[in-house]
Amino acid sequence: MIKLHHVPQSRSMRTLWLLHELDVPFEVVLHPFDKSLRDPAYLTISPAGRVPSLEIDGETIFETGAIGEYLCEVFSPDGLGRMPGTPERKDWLVWMHFAETISQHCAALTQQHIALRDDAMRSPIVMKLEAARINKCYDALEARLAGQEYLLNSGFTAADIGVGQAVYLGQYFAKTNDHPNVAAWFERISKRDGFVKSLPTGKTLFDQRFFEPWPIV
C-alpha cells in the first residue's frame, strides 16, 4: 500500500497527480497548512516537516523530485519515466527538476501573501522580484514548448506533471498571458483526469484567484 501525506495546493499535489496518472492503489493522508507538520510523529516520516512524504513497502521517501523518479522507475519506466541509457533521459531529468525552480518562487510568494502573520512583515519588493522570477521561468518554458505539445518530443511524461503543477501554482502570482505556448500546453495537460482529480475539493490554501504584488512606496 502507498500512503501519500498531502497538503492541498502544495508541492504534494505534484505527487498526487502522478499517482492518479500511474493508476496504482494509494491512500491520502491530508494535513493542514500549519505547525502540525512539526509534530514529532510526522517528523519520523519527513524530517524537515514538509509534504509530500510517501510511505511505500514499509519505507518512507520525501522530496518531490526523488518521489517522482522513484515512482516512475517502479511503475512506469518507459511511460511517464525515462530510464538511464534512454535517449531522452537527460532532458527528462532536467525538466523533472525544473519544477522545483518554479516552486521555490511560488513558496516565497505564498509566504508573503498568505503565511505571514501581519502586513508589517510582508515585503512588496520580494513580491515583485519573485513574481518576475516566475515570469523568467515561463520564458524558459515558452522556448522549450515552441513547436511541440509536451516538454519531451516523445509525449507526455512525469516532467509535464511536475512542471505543470508548478505552473498551476505560479498562475496565482504571474499570469501566462504573454506566453502562448505555455498557456496552450497548460490548458492541454490540465484537462487530464489525473490533474482534475488532484485539485482540492474542500477548503483551499488560496482564497483568491490572483495575488498582485503590492506597490512599492
C-alpha atoms as a PDB file:
ATOM      1  CA  MET A   1       0.000   0.000   0.000  1.00  0.00           C
ATOM      2  CA  ILE A   2       1.140   3.509  -0.817  1.00  0.00           C
ATOM      3  CA  LYS A   3       0.314   6.322   1.601  1.00  0.00           C
ATOM      4  CA  LEU A   4       0.779   9.945   0.493  1.00  0.00           C
ATOM      5  CA  HIS A   5       0.986  12.737   3.053  1.00  0.00           C
ATOM      6  CA  HIS A   6      -0.577  15.735   1.332  1.00  0.00           C
ATOM      7  CA  VAL A   7      -1.465  19.386   1.829  1.00  0.00           C
ATOM      8  CA  PRO A   8      -3.850  20.624  -0.903  1.00  0.00           C
ATOM      9  CA  GLN A   9      -2.326  23.157  -3.324  1.00  0.00           C
ATOM     10  CA  SER A  10       1.196  22.439  -2.125  1.00  0.00           C
ATOM     11  CA  ARG A  11       4.085  20.583  -3.768  1.00  0.00           C
ATOM     12  CA  SER A  12       2.465  17.305  -2.735  1.00  0.00           C
ATOM     13  CA  MET A  13      -0.209  17.946  -5.360  1.00  0.00           C
ATOM     14  CA  ARG A  14       2.523  17.013  -7.845  1.00  0.00           C
ATOM     15  CA  THR A  15       2.834  13.547  -6.320  1.00  0.00           C
ATOM     16  CA  LEU A  16      -0.943  13.154  -6.051  1.00  0.00           C
ATOM     17  CA  TRP A  17      -1.339  13.909  -9.767  1.00  0.00           C
ATOM     18  CA  LEU A  18       1.428  11.430 -10.626  1.00  0.00           C
ATOM     19  CA  LEU A  19      -0.194   8.684  -8.549  1.00  0.00           C
ATOM     20  CA  HIS A  20      -3.509   9.236 -10.335  1.00  0.00           C
ATOM     21  CA  GLU A  21      -1.755   9.012 -13.711  1.00  0.00           C
ATOM     22  CA  LEU A  22       0.004   5.807 -12.653  1.00  0.00           C
ATOM     23  CA  ASP A  23      -3.372   4.317 -11.695  1.00  0.00           C
ATOM     24  CA  VAL A  24      -2.000   2.440  -8.691  1.00  0.00           C
ATOM     25  CA  PRO A  25      -3.799   1.931  -5.352  1.00  0.00           C
ATOM     26  CA  PHE A  26      -2.905   4.560  -2.771  1.00  0.00           C
ATOM     27  CA  GLU A  27      -4.201   6.299   0.324  1.00  0.00           C
ATOM     28  CA  VAL A  28      -4.051  10.032   1.036  1.00  0.00           C
ATOM     29  CA  VAL A  29      -3.428  11.458   4.496  1.00  0.00           C
ATOM     30  CA  LEU A  30      -4.484  15.118   4.499  1.00  0.00           C
ATOM     31  CA  HIS A  31      -2.586  17.616   6.617  1.00  0.00           C
ATOM     32  CA  PRO A  32      -3.430  21.270   7.280  1.00  0.00           C
ATOM     33  CA  PHE A  33      -1.042  24.036   6.245  1.00  0.00           C
ATOM     34  CA  ASP A  34       0.137  24.756   9.779  1.00  0.00           C
ATOM     35  CA  LYS A  35       2.607  23.828  12.513  1.00  0.00           C
ATOM     36  CA  SER A  36       1.146  20.351  12.915  1.00  0.00           C
ATOM     37  CA  LEU A  37       3.659  19.223  10.283  1.00  0.00           C
ATOM     38  CA  ARG A  38       6.284  19.706  13.019  1.00  0.00           C
ATOM     39  CA  ASP A  39       4.667  17.046  15.168  1.00  0.00           C
ATOM     40  CA  PRO A  40       7.333  14.553  16.329  1.00  0.00           C
ATOM     41  CA  ALA A  41       5.378  11.624  14.873  1.00  0.00           C
ATOM     42  CA  TYR A  42       5.312  13.216  11.436  1.00  0.00           C
ATOM     43  CA  LEU A  43       8.981  14.195  11.652  1.00  0.00           C
ATOM     44  CA  THR A  44       9.828  10.491  11.699  1.00  0.00           C
ATOM     45  CA  ILE A  45       8.349  10.344   8.191  1.00  0.00           C
ATOM     46  CA  SER A  46       9.523  13.703   6.858  1.00  0.00           C
ATOM     47  CA  PRO A  47      12.452  15.050   8.937  1.00  0.00           C
ATOM     48  CA  ALA A  48      12.013  18.640   7.747  1.00  0.00           C
ATOM     49  CA  GLY A  49       8.288  18.589   8.466  1.00  0.00           C
ATOM     50  CA  ARG A  50       7.201  19.113   4.873  1.00  0.00           C
ATOM     51  CA  VAL A  51       4.999  17.491   2.258  1.00  0.00           C
ATOM     52  CA  PRO A  52       4.979  15.400   0.249  1.00  0.00           C
ATOM     53  CA  SER A  53       6.200  12.334   2.010  1.00  0.00           C
ATOM     54  CA  LEU A  54       5.390   8.841   0.861  1.00  0.00           C
ATOM     55  CA  GLU A  55       5.125   5.580   2.754  1.00  0.00           C
ATOM     56  CA  ILE A  56       5.652   2.610   0.439  1.00  0.00           C
ATOM     57  CA  ASP A  57       6.569  -1.025   1.115  1.00  0.00           C
ATOM     58  CA  GLY A  58       7.427  -0.264   4.720  1.00  0.00           C
ATOM     59  CA  GLU A  59       9.799   2.540   3.787  1.00  0.00           C
ATOM     60  CA  THR A  60       9.439   6.318   3.659  1.00  0.00           C
ATOM     61  CA  ILE A  61      10.602   8.722   0.980  1.00  0.00           C
ATOM     62  CA  PHE A  62      10.385  12.513   0.827  1.00  0.00           C
ATOM     63  CA  GLU A  63      11.263  15.315  -1.655  1.00  0.00           C
ATOM     64  CA  THR A  64       9.058  15.593  -4.724  1.00  0.00           C
ATOM     65  CA  GLY A  65      11.793  15.050  -7.297  1.00  0.00           C
ATOM     66  CA  ALA A  66      13.019  11.885  -5.593  1.00  0.00           C
ATOM     67  CA  ILE A  67       9.460  10.602  -5.166  1.00  0.00           C
ATOM     68  CA  GLY A  68       8.688  11.261  -8.834  1.00  0.00           C
ATOM     69  CA  GLU A  69      11.808   9.491 -10.062  1.00  0.00           C
ATOM     70  CA  TYR A  70      11.208   6.507  -7.769  1.00  0.00           C
ATOM     71  CA  LEU A  71       7.541   6.058  -8.680  1.00  0.00           C
ATOM     72  CA  CYS A  72       8.301   6.243 -12.390  1.00  0.00           C
ATOM     73  CA  GLU A  73      11.144   3.750 -12.050  1.00  0.00           C
ATOM     74  CA  VAL A  74       8.894   1.261 -10.239  1.00  0.00           C
ATOM     75  CA  PHE A  75       5.582   1.725 -12.044  1.00  0.00           C
ATOM     76  CA  SER A  76       6.154   3.398 -15.420  1.00  0.00           C
ATOM     77  CA  PRO A  77       9.818   3.312 -16.542  1.00  0.00           C
ATOM     78  CA  ASP A  78       9.005   3.610 -20.238  1.00  0.00           C
ATOM     79  CA  GLY A  79       5.755   5.559 -19.966  1.00  0.00           C
ATOM     80  CA  LEU A  80       5.864   8.521 -17.608  1.00  0.00           C
ATOM     81  CA  GLY A  81       9.563   7.933 -16.900  1.00  0.00           C
ATOM     82  CA  ARG A  82      12.733   7.856 -18.957  1.00  0.00           C
ATOM     83  CA  MET A  83      15.326   5.485 -17.563  1.00  0.00           C
ATOM     84  CA  PRO A  84      19.162   5.625 -17.652  1.00  0.00           C
ATOM     85  CA  GLY A  85      20.521   4.847 -21.093  1.00  0.00           C
ATOM     86  CA  THR A  86      17.464   6.073 -22.989  1.00  0.00           C
ATOM     87  CA  PRO A  87      17.824   8.999 -25.425  1.00  0.00           C
ATOM     88  CA  GLU A  88      15.545  11.395 -23.508  1.00  0.00           C
ATOM     89  CA  ARG A  89      16.865  10.630 -20.010  1.00  0.00           C
ATOM     90  CA  LYS A  90      18.856  13.866 -19.698  1.00  0.00           C
ATOM     91  CA  ASP A  91      16.001  16.117 -20.830  1.00  0.00           C
ATOM     92  CA  TRP A  92      13.538  14.226 -18.637  1.00  0.00           C
ATOM     93  CA  LEU A  93      15.706  14.820 -15.568  1.00  0.00           C
ATOM     94  CA  VAL A  94      16.225  18.490 -16.388  1.00  0.00           C
ATOM     95  CA  TRP A  95      12.509  19.211 -16.680  1.00  0.00           C
ATOM     96  CA  MET A  96      11.519  16.956 -13.782  1.00  0.00           C
ATOM     97  CA  HIS A  97      13.656  19.102 -11.513  1.00  0.00           C
ATOM     98  CA  PHE A  98      12.873  22.420 -13.213  1.00  0.00           C
ATOM     99  CA  ALA A  99       9.536  22.115 -11.423  1.00  0.00           C
ATOM    100  CA  GLU A 100      11.334  22.932  -8.173  1.00  0.00           C
ATOM    101  CA  THR A 101      12.879  26.058  -9.718  1.00  0.00           C
ATOM    102  CA  ILE A 102       9.365  27.416 -10.215  1.00  0.00           C
ATOM    103  CA  SER A 103       8.061  26.067  -6.920  1.00  0.00           C
ATOM    104  CA  GLN A 104      10.655  27.862  -4.805  1.00  0.00           C
ATOM    105  CA  HIS A 105       9.389  31.209  -6.118  1.00  0.00           C
ATOM    106  CA  CYS A 106       5.774  30.132  -5.552  1.00  0.00           C
ATOM    107  CA  ALA A 107       6.655  29.164  -1.983  1.00  0.00           C
ATOM    108  CA  ALA A 108       8.210  32.567  -1.330  1.00  0.00           C
ATOM    109  CA  LEU A 109       5.119  34.304  -2.665  1.00  0.00           C
ATOM    110  CA  THR A 110       2.778  32.047  -0.707  1.00  0.00           C
ATOM    111  CA  GLN A 111       4.653  33.076   2.408  1.00  0.00           C
ATOM    112  CA  GLN A 112       4.443  36.770   1.510  1.00  0.00           C
ATOM    113  CA  HIS A 113       0.752  36.831   0.600  1.00  0.00           C
ATOM    114  CA  ILE A 114      -0.679  34.169   2.922  1.00  0.00           C
ATOM    115  CA  ALA A 115       1.537  32.731   5.640  1.00  0.00           C
ATOM    116  CA  LEU A 116       2.965  35.819   7.363  1.00  0.00           C
ATOM    117  CA  ARG A 117       1.053  36.948  10.421  1.00  0.00           C
ATOM    118  CA  ASP A 118       0.581  40.657   9.672  1.00  0.00           C
ATOM    119  CA  ASP A 119       1.088  43.151   6.876  1.00  0.00           C
ATOM    120  CA  ALA A 120       4.132  44.755   8.504  1.00  0.00           C
ATOM    121  CA  MET A 121       6.041  41.516   7.857  1.00  0.00           C
ATOM    122  CA  ARG A 122       5.340  41.499   4.110  1.00  0.00           C
ATOM    123  CA  SER A 123       7.731  42.905   1.503  1.00  0.00           C
ATOM    124  CA  PRO A 124       6.431  44.465  -1.741  1.00  0.00           C
ATOM    125  CA  ILE A 125       9.986  44.213  -3.110  1.00  0.00           C
ATOM    126  CA  VAL A 126      10.103  40.450  -2.513  1.00  0.00           C
ATOM    127  CA  MET A 127       6.640  40.092  -4.061  1.00  0.00           C
ATOM    128  CA  LYS A 128       7.714  41.930  -7.197  1.00  0.00           C
ATOM    129  CA  LEU A 129      11.056  40.126  -7.546  1.00  0.00           C
ATOM    130  CA  GLU A 130       9.624  36.650  -7.040  1.00  0.00           C
ATOM    131  CA  ALA A 131       6.769  37.239  -9.493  1.00  0.00           C
ATOM    132  CA  ALA A 132       9.327  38.434 -12.062  1.00  0.00           C
ATOM    133  CA  ARG A 133      11.344  35.256 -11.465  1.00  0.00           C
ATOM    134  CA  ILE A 134       8.291  33.136 -12.212  1.00  0.00           C
ATOM    135  CA  ASN A 135       7.931  35.010 -15.488  1.00  0.00           C
ATOM    136  CA  LYS A 136      11.574  34.193 -16.272  1.00  0.00           C
ATOM    137  CA  CYS A 137      10.713  30.536 -15.756  1.00  0.00           C
ATOM    138  CA  TYR A 138       7.803  30.959 -18.157  1.00  0.00           C
ATOM    139  CA  ASP A 139      10.303  32.346 -20.690  1.00  0.00           C
ATOM    140  CA  ALA A 140      12.319  29.129 -20.486  1.00  0.00           C
ATOM    141  CA  LEU A 141       9.194  27.018 -20.883  1.00  0.00           C
ATOM    142  CA  GLU A 142       7.949  29.147 -23.779  1.00  0.00           C
ATOM    143  CA  ALA A 143      11.162  28.450 -25.702  1.00  0.00           C
ATOM    144  CA  ARG A 144      11.097  24.750 -24.858  1.00  0.00           C
ATOM    145  CA  LEU A 145       7.485  24.308 -25.979  1.00  0.00           C
ATOM    146  CA  ALA A 146       7.913  26.062 -29.320  1.00  0.00           C
ATOM    147  CA  GLY A 147       6.685  23.626 -31.962  1.00  0.00           C
ATOM    148  CA  GLN A 148       5.868  20.769 -29.577  1.00  0.00           C
ATOM    149  CA  GLU A 149       2.957  19.734 -27.374  1.00  0.00           C
ATOM    150  CA  TYR A 150       4.895  18.489 -24.344  1.00  0.00           C
ATOM    151  CA  LEU A 151       8.242  19.067 -22.662  1.00  0.00           C
ATOM    152  CA  LEU A 152       9.709  15.986 -24.337  1.00  0.00           C
ATOM    153  CA  ASN A 153       9.420  15.332 -28.055  1.00  0.00           C
ATOM    154  CA  SER A 154       8.044  11.838 -27.482  1.00  0.00           C
ATOM    155  CA  GLY A 155       4.997  12.932 -25.497  1.00  0.00           C
ATOM    156  CA  PHE A 156       3.520  13.414 -22.037  1.00  0.00           C
ATOM    157  CA  THR A 157       5.682  12.318 -19.086  1.00  0.00           C
ATOM    158  CA  ALA A 158       6.096  12.934 -15.376  1.00  0.00           C
ATOM    159  CA  ALA A 159       8.108  16.025 -16.316  1.00  0.00           C
ATOM    160  CA  ASP A 160       4.902  17.628 -17.595  1.00  0.00           C
ATOM    161  CA  ILE A 161       3.204  16.684 -14.330  1.00  0.00           C
ATOM    162  CA  GLY A 162       5.881  18.266 -12.157  1.00  0.00           C
ATOM    163  CA  VAL A 163       6.241  21.458 -14.156  1.00  0.00           C
ATOM    164  CA  GLY A 164       2.507  21.609 -14.824  1.00  0.00           C
ATOM    165  CA  GLN A 165       1.709  21.574 -11.125  1.00  0.00           C
ATOM    166  CA  ALA A 166       4.304  24.291 -10.534  1.00  0.00           C
ATOM    167  CA  VAL A 167       2.743  26.443 -13.255  1.00  0.00           C
ATOM    168  CA  TYR A 168      -0.695  25.803 -11.738  1.00  0.00           C
ATOM    169  CA  LEU A 169       0.585  27.446  -8.549  1.00  0.00           C
ATOM    170  CA  GLY A 170       2.615  30.040 -10.435  1.00  0.00           C
ATOM    171  CA  GLN A 171      -0.502  31.417 -12.090  1.00  0.00           C
ATOM    172  CA  TYR A 172      -1.724  32.646  -8.727  1.00  0.00           C
ATOM    173  CA  PHE A 173       1.138  35.157  -8.863  1.00  0.00           C
ATOM    174  CA  ALA A 174       2.199  35.553 -12.527  1.00  0.00           C
ATOM    175  CA  LYS A 175      -0.167  35.158 -15.460  1.00  0.00           C
ATOM    176  CA  THR A 176       0.775  33.315 -18.652  1.00  0.00           C
ATOM    177  CA  ASN A 177      -0.847  35.876 -20.977  1.00  0.00           C
ATOM    178  CA  ASP A 178       2.484  36.758 -22.629  1.00  0.00           C
ATOM    179  CA  HIS A 179       3.478  33.106 -23.037  1.00  0.00           C
ATOM    180  CA  PRO A 180       1.079  31.487 -25.540  1.00  0.00           C
ATOM    181  CA  ASN A 181       2.989  28.211 -25.794  1.00  0.00           C
ATOM    182  CA  VAL A 182       2.920  27.800 -22.019  1.00  0.00           C
ATOM    183  CA  ALA A 183      -0.768  28.713 -21.848  1.00  0.00           C
ATOM    184  CA  ALA A 184      -1.710  26.234 -24.593  1.00  0.00           C
ATOM    185  CA  TRP A 185       0.387  23.464 -23.010  1.00  0.00           C
ATOM    186  CA  PHE A 186      -1.101  24.066 -19.570  1.00  0.00           C
ATOM    187  CA  GLU A 187      -4.633  24.064 -20.964  1.00  0.00           C
ATOM    188  CA  ARG A 188      -3.862  20.740 -22.643  1.00  0.00           C
ATOM    189  CA  ILE A 189      -2.448  18.970 -19.599  1.00  0.00           C
ATOM    190  CA  SER A 190      -4.932  20.439 -17.112  1.00  0.00           C
ATOM    191  CA  LYS A 191      -7.741  18.608 -18.943  1.00  0.00           C
ATOM    192  CA  ARG A 192      -6.253  15.266 -17.964  1.00  0.00           C
ATOM    193  CA  ASP A 193      -8.201  13.225 -15.419  1.00  0.00           C
ATOM    194  CA  GLY A 194      -5.130  12.944 -13.193  1.00  0.00           C
ATOM    195  CA  PHE A 195      -4.863  16.715 -12.864  1.00  0.00           C
ATOM    196  CA  VAL A 196      -8.571  17.188 -12.237  1.00  0.00           C
ATOM    197  CA  LYS A 197      -8.524  14.502  -9.530  1.00  0.00           C
ATOM    198  CA  SER A 198      -5.603  16.212  -7.808  1.00  0.00           C
ATOM    199  CA  LEU A 199      -7.424  19.526  -7.381  1.00  0.00           C
ATOM    200  CA  PRO A 200      -8.645  20.429  -3.878  1.00  0.00           C
ATOM    201  CA  THR A 201     -12.252  19.565  -3.124  1.00  0.00           C
ATOM    202  CA  GLY A 202     -12.685  21.344   0.198  1.00  0.00           C
ATOM    203  CA  LYS A 203     -11.014  24.312   1.823  1.00  0.00           C
ATOM    204  CA  THR A 204      -8.232  25.773  -0.331  1.00  0.00           C
ATOM    205  CA  LEU A 205      -4.953  27.405   0.602  1.00  0.00           C
ATOM    206  CA  PHE A 206      -5.549  30.403  -1.675  1.00  0.00           C
ATOM    207  CA  ASP A 207      -8.647  32.494  -1.030  1.00  0.00           C
ATOM    208  CA  GLN A 208      -8.452  34.381  -4.340  1.00  0.00           C
ATOM    209  CA  ARG A 209      -7.516  33.529  -7.902  1.00  0.00           C
ATOM    210  CA  PHE A 210      -4.661  36.009  -8.340  1.00  0.00           C
ATOM    211  CA  PHE A 211      -2.366  37.927  -5.994  1.00  0.00           C
ATOM    212  CA  GLU A 212      -0.913  41.161  -7.338  1.00  0.00           C
ATOM    213  CA  PRO A 213       2.421  42.340  -5.924  1.00  0.00           C
ATOM    214  CA  TRP A 214       1.888  45.260  -3.612  1.00  0.00           C
ATOM    215  CA  PRO A 215       3.029  48.666  -4.895  1.00  0.00           C
ATOM    216  CA  ILE A 216       6.465  49.734  -3.701  1.00  0.00           C
ATOM    217  CA  VAL A 217       6.269  53.022  -1.801  1.00  0.00           C
END
